[in-house]
Amino acid sequence: MDNQKIAAILEELREERDQASSVIDALDKEVNHAEANRGARKLLQEYVDRRNNIDAAVLAMDNLASGKRRGRRPGWINDIKEAGQASE
């Protein structure tokens, strides 16, 4: 995946996150005015979960775009590399 595609996906995810945040803010005000409204609370929680998922996706895409890796390589990959270097 090239950097332009990653940048486009990131932009879309950020826009969706901003929209979800706006909805969350509006719903939060409504829920505070009508404490007994369970449906609004459920909808608010769904949007909070959605925003959190989008945040995780943005972070993953940022890491992908920057070339960052998570953790260290598995041992078997290092073993293969070492065996290849030893045979040369």
PDB file of N, CA and C in Angstrom:
ATOM      1  N   MET A   1       0.845  -1.162   0.000  1.00  0.00           N
ATOM      2  CA  MET A   1       0.000   0.000   0.000  1.00  0.00           C
ATOM      3  C   MET A   1       0.901   1.239   0.000  1.00  0.00           C
ATOM      4  N   ASP A   2       0.679   2.137  -0.938  1.00  0.00           N
ATOM      5  CA  ASP A   2       1.553   3.308  -1.006  1.00  0.00           C
ATOM      6  C   ASP A   2       1.081   4.399  -0.041  1.00  0.00           C
ATOM      7  N   ASN A   3       1.944   5.364   0.173  1.00  0.00           N
ATOM      8  CA  ASN A   3       1.684   6.408   1.165  1.00  0.00           C
ATOM      9  C   ASN A   3       0.493   7.280   0.815  1.00  0.00           C
ATOM     10  N   GLN A   4       0.211   7.480  -0.473  1.00  0.00           N
ATOM     11  CA  GLN A   4      -0.945   8.290  -0.872  1.00  0.00           C
ATOM     12  C   GLN A   4      -2.249   7.610  -0.477  1.00  0.00           C
ATOM     13  N   LYS A   5      -2.317   6.302  -0.678  1.00  0.00           N
ATOM     14  CA  LYS A   5      -3.525   5.566  -0.296  1.00  0.00           C
ATOM     15  C   LYS A   5      -3.690   5.583   1.212  1.00  0.00           C
ATOM     16  N   ILE A   6      -2.592   5.407   1.934  1.00  0.00           N
ATOM     17  CA  ILE A   6      -2.644   5.431   3.397  1.00  0.00           C
ATOM     18  C   ILE A   6      -3.098   6.801   3.874  1.00  0.00           C
ATOM     19  N   ALA A   7      -2.569   7.859   3.266  1.00  0.00           N
ATOM     20  CA  ALA A   7      -2.956   9.217   3.644  1.00  0.00           C
ATOM     21  C   ALA A   7      -4.439   9.458   3.385  1.00  0.00           C
ATOM     22  N   ALA A   8      -4.950   8.948   2.270  1.00  0.00           N
ATOM     23  CA  ALA A   8      -6.376   9.112   1.956  1.00  0.00           C
ATOM     24  C   ALA A   8      -7.243   8.370   2.962  1.00  0.00           C
ATOM     25  N   ILE A   9      -6.848   7.168   3.323  1.00  0.00           N
ATOM     26  CA  ILE A   9      -7.600   6.388   4.308  1.00  0.00           C
ATOM     27  C   ILE A   9      -7.569   7.086   5.657  1.00  0.00           C
ATOM     28  N   LEU A  10      -6.402   7.595   6.041  1.00  0.00           N
ATOM     29  CA  LEU A  10      -6.280   8.316   7.305  1.00  0.00           C
ATOM     30  C   LEU A  10      -7.196   9.532   7.333  1.00  0.00           C
ATOM     31  N   GLU A  11      -7.245  10.264   6.242  1.00  0.00           N
ATOM     32  CA  GLU A  11      -8.104  11.451   6.174  1.00  0.00           C
ATOM     33  C   GLU A  11      -9.570  11.069   6.342  1.00  0.00           C
ATOM     34  N   GLU A  12      -9.992  10.001   5.674  1.00  0.00           N
ATOM     35  CA  GLU A  12     -11.373   9.535   5.808  1.00  0.00           C
ATOM     36  C   GLU A  12     -11.673   9.104   7.241  1.00  0.00           C
ATOM     37  N   LEU A  13     -10.735   8.382   7.850  1.00  0.00           N
ATOM     38  CA  LEU A  13     -10.935   7.941   9.231  1.00  0.00           C
ATOM     39  C   LEU A  13     -11.019   9.130  10.185  1.00  0.00           C
ATOM     40  N   ARG A  14     -10.179  10.111   9.969  1.00  0.00           N
ATOM     41  CA  ARG A  14     -10.210  11.297  10.842  1.00  0.00           C
ATOM     42  C   ARG A  14     -11.517  12.064  10.691  1.00  0.00           C
ATOM     43  N   GLU A  15     -12.016  12.186   9.461  1.00  0.00           N
ATOM     44  CA  GLU A  15     -13.303  12.850   9.243  1.00  0.00           C
ATOM     45  C   GLU A  15     -14.430  12.096   9.931  1.00  0.00           C
ATOM     46  N   GLU A  16     -14.412  10.782   9.820  1.00  0.00           N
ATOM     47  CA  GLU A  16     -15.447   9.968  10.466  1.00  0.00           C
ATOM     48  C   GLU A  16     -15.358  10.090  11.987  1.00  0.00           C
ATOM     49  N   ARG A  17     -14.122  10.141  12.521  1.00  0.00           N
ATOM     50  CA  ARG A  17     -13.938  10.318  13.959  1.00  0.00           C
ATOM     51  C   ARG A  17     -14.498  11.662  14.411  1.00  0.00           C
ATOM     52  N   ASP A  18     -14.262  12.715  13.626  1.00  0.00           N
ATOM     53  CA  ASP A  18     -14.782  14.040  13.967  1.00  0.00           C
ATOM     54  C   ASP A  18     -16.306  14.058  13.952  1.00  0.00           C
ATOM     55  N   GLN A  19     -16.895  13.380  12.972  1.00  0.00           N
ATOM     56  CA  GLN A  19     -18.356  13.291  12.915  1.00  0.00           C
ATOM     57  C   GLN A  19     -18.895  12.540  14.126  1.00  0.00           C
ATOM     58  N   ALA A  20     -18.240  11.436  14.476  1.00  0.00           N
ATOM     59  CA  ALA A  20     -18.684  10.667  15.641  1.00  0.00           C
ATOM     60  C   ALA A  20     -18.558  11.500  16.901  1.00  0.00           C
ATOM     61  N   SER A  21     -17.505  12.284  17.016  1.00  0.00           N
ATOM     62  CA  SER A  21     -17.331  13.137  18.194  1.00  0.00           C
ATOM     63  C   SER A  21     -18.433  14.180  18.285  1.00  0.00           C
ATOM     64  N   SER A  22     -18.836  14.741  17.151  1.00  0.00           N
ATOM     65  CA  SER A  22     -19.927  15.719  17.144  1.00  0.00           C
ATOM     66  C   SER A  22     -21.234  15.090  17.604  1.00  0.00           C
ATOM     67  N   VAL A  23     -21.502  13.888  17.109  1.00  0.00           N
ATOM     68  CA  VAL A  23     -22.723  13.179  17.508  1.00  0.00           C
ATOM     69  C   VAL A  23     -22.669  12.851  19.001  1.00  0.00           C
ATOM     70  N   ILE A  24     -21.506  12.431  19.475  1.00  0.00           N
ATOM     71  CA  ILE A  24     -21.350  12.101  20.894  1.00  0.00           C
ATOM     72  C   ILE A  24     -21.627  13.326  21.754  1.00  0.00           C
ATOM     73  N   ASP A  25     -21.087  14.467  21.368  1.00  0.00           N
ATOM     74  CA  ASP A  25     -21.313  15.690  22.138  1.00  0.00           C
ATOM     75  C   ASP A  25     -22.790  16.051  22.189  1.00  0.00           C
ATOM     76  N   ALA A  26     -23.464  15.964  21.029  1.00  0.00           N
ATOM     77  CA  ALA A  26     -24.884  16.289  20.980  1.00  0.00           C
ATOM     78  C   ALA A  26     -25.709  15.305  21.809  1.00  0.00           C
ATOM     79  N   LEU A  27     -25.402  14.023  21.680  1.00  0.00           N
ATOM     80  CA  LEU A  27     -26.141  13.015  22.446  1.00  0.00           C
ATOM     81  C   LEU A  27     -25.883  13.144  23.936  1.00  0.00           C
ATOM     82  N   ASP A  28     -24.667  13.481  24.296  1.00  0.00           N
ATOM     83  CA  ASP A  28     -24.321  13.624  25.702  1.00  0.00           C
ATOM     84  C   ASP A  28     -25.162  14.719  26.350  1.00  0.00           C
ATOM     85  N   LYS A  29     -25.363  15.820  25.640  1.00  0.00           N
ATOM     86  CA  LYS A  29     -26.206  16.909  26.161  1.00  0.00           C
ATOM     87  C   LYS A  29     -27.640  16.440  26.322  1.00  0.00           C
ATOM     88  N   GLU A  30     -28.143  15.681  25.336  1.00  0.00           N
ATOM     89  CA  GLU A  30     -29.514  15.181  25.402  1.00  0.00           C
ATOM     90  C   GLU A  30     -29.688  14.192  26.552  1.00  0.00           C
ATOM     91  N   VAL A  31     -28.725  13.320  26.737  1.00  0.00           N
ATOM     92  CA  VAL A  31     -28.815  12.322  27.795  1.00  0.00           C
ATOM     93  C   VAL A  31     -28.815  13.009  29.150  1.00  0.00           C
ATOM     94  N   ASN A  32     -28.034  14.059  29.290  1.00  0.00           N
ATOM     95  CA  ASN A  32     -27.999  14.778  30.560  1.00  0.00           C
ATOM     96  C   ASN A  32     -29.324  15.450  30.859  1.00  0.00           C
ATOM     97  N   HIS A  33     -30.059  15.858  29.814  1.00  0.00           N
ATOM     98  CA  HIS A  33     -31.362  16.491  30.029  1.00  0.00           C
ATOM     99  C   HIS A  33     -32.455  15.467  30.311  1.00  0.00           C
ATOM    100  N   ALA A  34     -32.314  14.286  29.796  1.00  0.00           N
ATOM    101  CA  ALA A  34     -33.322  13.239  29.978  1.00  0.00           C
ATOM    102  C   ALA A  34     -32.628  12.012  30.559  1.00  0.00           C
ATOM    103  N   GLU A  35     -32.404  12.024  31.855  1.00  0.00           N
ATOM    104  CA  GLU A  35     -31.638  10.970  32.516  1.00  0.00           C
ATOM    105  C   GLU A  35     -32.238   9.581  32.330  1.00  0.00           C
ATOM    106  N   ALA A  36     -33.526   9.464  32.165  1.00  0.00           N
ATOM    107  CA  ALA A  36     -34.167   8.154  32.103  1.00  0.00           C
ATOM    108  C   ALA A  36     -34.164   7.556  30.696  1.00  0.00           C
ATOM    109  N   ASN A  37     -33.612   8.218  29.727  1.00  0.00           N
ATOM    110  CA  ASN A  37     -33.681   7.763  28.341  1.00  0.00           C
ATOM    111  C   ASN A  37     -32.588   6.723  28.072  1.00  0.00           C
ATOM    112  N   ARG A  38     -32.940   5.448  28.175  1.00  0.00           N
ATOM    113  CA  ARG A  38     -31.980   4.357  27.963  1.00  0.00           C
ATOM    114  C   ARG A  38     -31.530   4.249  26.515  1.00  0.00           C
ATOM    115  N   GLY A  39     -32.441   4.500  25.596  1.00  0.00           N
ATOM    116  CA  GLY A  39     -32.102   4.406  24.178  1.00  0.00           C
ATOM    117  C   GLY A  39     -31.003   5.381  23.797  1.00  0.00           C
ATOM    118  N   ALA A  40     -31.093   6.579  24.325  1.00  0.00           N
ATOM    119  CA  ALA A  40     -30.077   7.586  24.026  1.00  0.00           C
ATOM    120  C   ALA A  40     -28.740   7.186  24.634  1.00  0.00           C
ATOM    121  N   ARG A  41     -28.761   6.615  25.827  1.00  0.00           N
ATOM    122  CA  ARG A  41     -27.521   6.160  26.460  1.00  0.00           C
ATOM    123  C   ARG A  41     -26.877   5.041  25.642  1.00  0.00           C
ATOM    124  N   LYS A  42     -27.705   4.126  25.147  1.00  0.00           N
ATOM    125  CA  LYS A  42     -27.179   3.024  24.341  1.00  0.00           C
ATOM    126  C   LYS A  42     -26.567   3.560  23.050  1.00  0.00           C
ATOM    127  N   LEU A  43     -27.251   4.482  22.401  1.00  0.00           N
ATOM    128  CA  LEU A  43     -26.754   5.077  21.173  1.00  0.00           C
ATOM    129  C   LEU A  43     -25.456   5.838  21.433  1.00  0.00           C
ATOM    130  N   LEU A  44     -25.408   6.553  22.540  1.00  0.00           N
ATOM    131  CA  LEU A  44     -24.193   7.283  22.907  1.00  0.00           C
ATOM    132  C   LEU A  44     -23.023   6.315  23.087  1.00  0.00           C
ATOM    133  N   GLN A  45     -23.253   5.202  23.770  1.00  0.00           N
ATOM    134  CA  GLN A  45     -22.191   4.229  23.981  1.00  0.00           C
ATOM    135  C   GLN A  45     -21.727   3.605  22.667  1.00  0.00           C
ATOM    136  N   GLU A  46     -22.658   3.373  21.743  1.00  0.00           N
ATOM    137  CA  GLU A  46     -22.290   2.835  20.439  1.00  0.00           C
ATOM    138  C   GLU A  46     -21.375   3.803  19.685  1.00  0.00           C
ATOM    139  N   TYR A  47     -21.682   5.094  19.753  1.00  0.00           N
ATOM    140  CA  TYR A  47     -20.840   6.074  19.078  1.00  0.00           C
ATOM    141  C   TYR A  47     -19.487   6.228  19.760  1.00  0.00           C
ATOM    142  N   VAL A  48     -19.461   6.140  21.075  1.00  0.00           N
ATOM    143  CA  VAL A  48     -18.179   6.188  21.787  1.00  0.00           C
ATOM    144  C   VAL A  48     -17.318   4.994  21.381  1.00  0.00           C
ATOM    145  N   ASP A  49     -17.922   3.808  21.325  1.00  0.00           N
ATOM    146  CA  ASP A  49     -17.193   2.608  20.893  1.00  0.00           C
ATOM    147  C   ASP A  49     -16.691   2.766  19.459  1.00  0.00           C
ATOM    148  N   ARG A  50     -17.535   3.311  18.611  1.00  0.00           N
ATOM    149  CA  ARG A  50     -17.158   3.506  17.207  1.00  0.00           C
ATOM    150  C   ARG A  50     -15.973   4.466  17.100  1.00  0.00           C
ATOM    151  N   ARG A  51     -16.038   5.568  17.865  1.00  0.00           N
ATOM    152  CA  ARG A  51     -14.938   6.531  17.841  1.00  0.00           C
ATOM    153  C   ARG A  51     -13.640   5.894  18.336  1.00  0.00           C
ATOM    154  N   ASN A  52     -13.741   5.080  19.378  1.00  0.00           N
ATOM    155  CA  ASN A  52     -12.555   4.394  19.894  1.00  0.00           C
ATOM    156  C   ASN A  52     -11.965   3.445  18.860  1.00  0.00           C
ATOM    157  N   ASN A  53     -12.822   2.739  18.132  1.00  0.00           N
ATOM    158  CA  ASN A  53     -12.345   1.853  17.068  1.00  0.00           C
ATOM    159  C   ASN A  53     -11.672   2.652  15.952  1.00  0.00           C
ATOM    160  N   ILE A  54     -12.234   3.794  15.625  1.00  0.00           N
ATOM    161  CA  ILE A  54     -11.638   4.637  14.589  1.00  0.00           C
ATOM    162  C   ILE A  54     -10.279   5.154  15.057  1.00  0.00           C
ATOM    163  N   ASP A  55     -10.202   5.555  16.326  1.00  0.00           N
ATOM    164  CA  ASP A  55      -8.921   6.015  16.875  1.00  0.00           C
ATOM    165  C   ASP A  55      -7.856   4.924  16.777  1.00  0.00           C
ATOM    166  N   ALA A  56      -8.244   3.689  17.071  1.00  0.00           N
ATOM    167  CA  ALA A  56      -7.305   2.571  16.972  1.00  0.00           C
ATOM    168  C   ALA A  56      -6.877   2.353  15.520  1.00  0.00           C
ATOM    169  N   ALA A  57      -7.813   2.489  14.591  1.00  0.00           N
ATOM    170  CA  ALA A  57      -7.493   2.327  13.171  1.00  0.00           C
ATOM    171  C   ALA A  57      -6.562   3.431  12.697  1.00  0.00           C
ATOM    172  N   VAL A  58      -6.796   4.661  13.152  1.00  0.00           N
ATOM    173  CA  VAL A  58      -5.926   5.778  12.775  1.00  0.00           C
ATOM    174  C   VAL A  58      -4.513   5.527  13.282  1.00  0.00           C
ATOM    175  N   LEU A  59      -4.406   5.072  14.519  1.00  0.00           N
ATOM    176  CA  LEU A  59      -3.090   4.784  15.083  1.00  0.00           C
ATOM    177  C   LEU A  59      -2.379   3.687  14.288  1.00  0.00           C
ATOM    178  N   ALA A  60      -3.102   2.646  13.939  1.00  0.00           N
ATOM    179  CA  ALA A  60      -2.510   1.552  13.165  1.00  0.00           C
ATOM    180  C   ALA A  60      -2.065   2.036  11.787  1.00  0.00           C
ATOM    181  N   MET A  61      -2.879   2.867  11.148  1.00  0.00           N
ATOM    182  CA  MET A  61      -2.518   3.385   9.830  1.00  0.00           C
ATOM    183  C   MET A  61      -1.325   4.340   9.929  1.00  0.00           C
ATOM    184  N   ASP A  62      -1.275   5.154  10.977  1.00  0.00           N
ATOM    185  CA  ASP A  62      -0.126   6.030  11.188  1.00  0.00           C
ATOM    186  C   ASP A  62       1.150   5.214  11.336  1.00  0.00           C
ATOM    187  N   ASN A  63       1.070   4.138  12.111  1.00  0.00           N
ATOM    188  CA  ASN A  63       2.236   3.275  12.291  1.00  0.00           C
ATOM    189  C   ASN A  63       2.637   2.613  10.977  1.00  0.00           C
ATOM    190  N   LEU A  64       1.653   2.200  10.201  1.00  0.00           N
ATOM    191  CA  LEU A  64       1.936   1.586   8.907  1.00  0.00           C
ATOM    192  C   LEU A  64       2.602   2.590   7.975  1.00  0.00           C
ATOM    193  N   ALA A  65       2.090   3.813   7.977  1.00  0.00           N
ATOM    194  CA  ALA A  65       2.636   4.846   7.098  1.00  0.00           C
ATOM    195  C   ALA A  65       4.062   5.229   7.486  1.00  0.00           C
ATOM    196  N   SER A  66       4.347   5.202   8.784  1.00  0.00           N
ATOM    197  CA  SER A  66       5.675   5.619   9.225  1.00  0.00           C
ATOM    198  C   SER A  66       6.676   4.468   9.212  1.00  0.00           C
ATOM    199  N   GLY A  67       6.210   3.261   8.950  1.00  0.00           N
ATOM    200  CA  GLY A  67       7.105   2.106   8.895  1.00  0.00           C
ATOM    201  C   GLY A  67       7.425   1.525  10.252  1.00  0.00           C
ATOM    202  N   LYS A  68       6.735   1.973  11.277  1.00  0.00           N
ATOM    203  CA  LYS A  68       6.985   1.425  12.613  1.00  0.00           C
ATOM    204  C   LYS A  68       6.459   0.004  12.704  1.00  0.00           C
ATOM    205  N   ARG A  69       7.201  -0.827  13.425  1.00  0.00           N
ATOM    206  CA  ARG A  69       6.762  -2.203  13.662  1.00  0.00           C
ATOM    207  C   ARG A  69       6.419  -2.346  15.129  1.00  0.00           C
ATOM    208  N   ARG A  70       5.587  -3.312  15.423  1.00  0.00           N
ATOM    209  CA  ARG A  70       5.265  -3.622  16.812  1.00  0.00           C
ATOM    210  C   ARG A  70       6.159  -4.737  17.295  1.00  0.00           C
ATOM    211  N   GLY A  71       6.818  -4.519  18.399  1.00  0.00           N
ATOM    212  CA  GLY A  71       7.587  -5.583  19.031  1.00  0.00           C
ATOM    213  C   GLY A  71       8.795  -6.013  18.228  1.00  0.00           C
ATOM    214  N   ARG A  72       9.349  -7.114  18.641  1.00  0.00           N
ATOM    215  CA  ARG A  72      10.532  -7.629  17.947  1.00  0.00           C
ATOM    216  C   ARG A  72      10.139  -8.749  17.000  1.00  0.00           C
ATOM    217  N   ARG A  73      11.072  -9.105  16.143  1.00  0.00           N
ATOM    218  CA  ARG A  73      10.827 -10.181  15.186  1.00  0.00           C
ATOM    219  C   ARG A  73      10.743 -11.523  15.891  1.00  0.00           C
ATOM    220  N   PRO A  74       9.942 -12.435  15.352  1.00  0.00           N
ATOM    221  CA  PRO A  74       9.917 -13.788  15.911  1.00  0.00           C
ATOM    222  C   PRO A  74      11.291 -14.442  15.761  1.00  0.00           C
ATOM    223  N   GLY A  75      11.622 -15.299  16.706  1.00  0.00           N
ATOM    224  CA  GLY A  75      12.923 -15.953  16.721  1.00  0.00           C
ATOM    225  C   GLY A  75      13.202 -16.756  15.474  1.00  0.00           C
ATOM    226  N   TRP A  76      12.194 -17.392  14.902  1.00  0.00           N
ATOM    227  CA  TRP A  76      12.436 -18.232  13.738  1.00  0.00           C
ATOM    228  C   TRP A  76      12.879 -17.411  12.534  1.00  0.00           C
ATOM    229  N   ILE A  77      12.450 -16.149  12.449  1.00  0.00           N
ATOM    230  CA  ILE A  77      12.904 -15.306  11.346  1.00  0.00           C
ATOM    231  C   ILE A  77      14.392 -14.991  11.523  1.00  0.00           C
ATOM    232  N   ASN A  78      14.784 -14.679  12.739  1.00  0.00           N
ATOM    233  CA  ASN A  78      16.198 -14.410  13.007  1.00  0.00           C
ATOM    234  C   ASN A  78      17.047 -15.647  12.727  1.00  0.00           C
ATOM    235  N   ASP A  79      16.538 -16.828  13.077  1.00  0.00           N
ATOM    236  CA  ASP A  79      17.279 -18.071  12.814  1.00  0.00           C
ATOM    237  C   ASP A  79      17.512 -18.269  11.324  1.00  0.00           C
ATOM    238  N   ILE A  80      16.489 -17.994  10.521  1.00  0.00           N
ATOM    239  CA  ILE A  80      16.608 -18.131   9.071  1.00  0.00           C
ATOM    240  C   ILE A  80      17.630 -17.135   8.529  1.00  0.00           C
ATOM    241  N   LYS A  81      17.561 -15.887   9.031  1.00  0.00           N
ATOM    242  CA  LYS A  81      18.516 -14.875   8.581  1.00  0.00           C
ATOM    243  C   LYS A  81      19.942 -15.272   8.924  1.00  0.00           C
ATOM    244  N   GLU A  82      20.137 -15.745  10.146  1.00  0.00           N
ATOM    245  CA  GLU A  82      21.478 -16.150  10.569  1.00  0.00           C
ATOM    246  C   GLU A  82      21.980 -17.335   9.762  1.00  0.00           C
ATOM    247  N   ALA A  83      21.100 -18.295   9.480  1.00  0.00           N
ATOM    248  CA  ALA A  83      21.487 -19.457   8.676  1.00  0.00           C
ATOM    249  C   ALA A  83      21.849 -19.028   7.263  1.00  0.00           C
ATOM    250  N   GLY A  84      21.134 -18.063   6.717  1.00  0.00           N
ATOM    251  CA  GLY A  84      21.444 -17.561   5.383  1.00  0.00           C
ATOM    252  C   GLY A  84      22.755 -16.835   5.334  1.00  0.00           C
ATOM    253  N   GLN A  85      23.068 -16.080   6.373  1.00  0.00           N
ATOM    254  CA  GLN A  85      24.336 -15.359   6.417  1.00  0.00           C
ATOM    255  C   GLN A  85      25.506 -16.310   6.641  1.00  0.00           C
ATOM    256  N   ALA A  86      25.274 -17.375   7.403  1.00  0.00           N
ATOM    257  CA  ALA A  86      26.340 -18.345   7.669  1.00  0.00           C
ATOM    258  C   ALA A  86      26.697 -19.143   6.412  1.00  0.00           C
ATOM    259  N   SER A  87      25.725 -19.381   5.542  1.00  0.00           N
ATOM    260  CA  SER A  87      25.992 -20.174   4.347  1.00  0.00           C
ATOM    261  C   SER A  87      26.693 -19.366   3.262  1.00  0.00           C
ATOM    262  N   GLU A  88      26.709 -18.041   3.405  1.00  0.00           N
ATOM    263  CA  GLU A  88      27.350 -17.195   2.384  1.00  0.00           C
ATOM    264  C   GLU A  88      28.819 -17.152   2.529  1.00  0.00           C
TER     265      GLU A  88
END
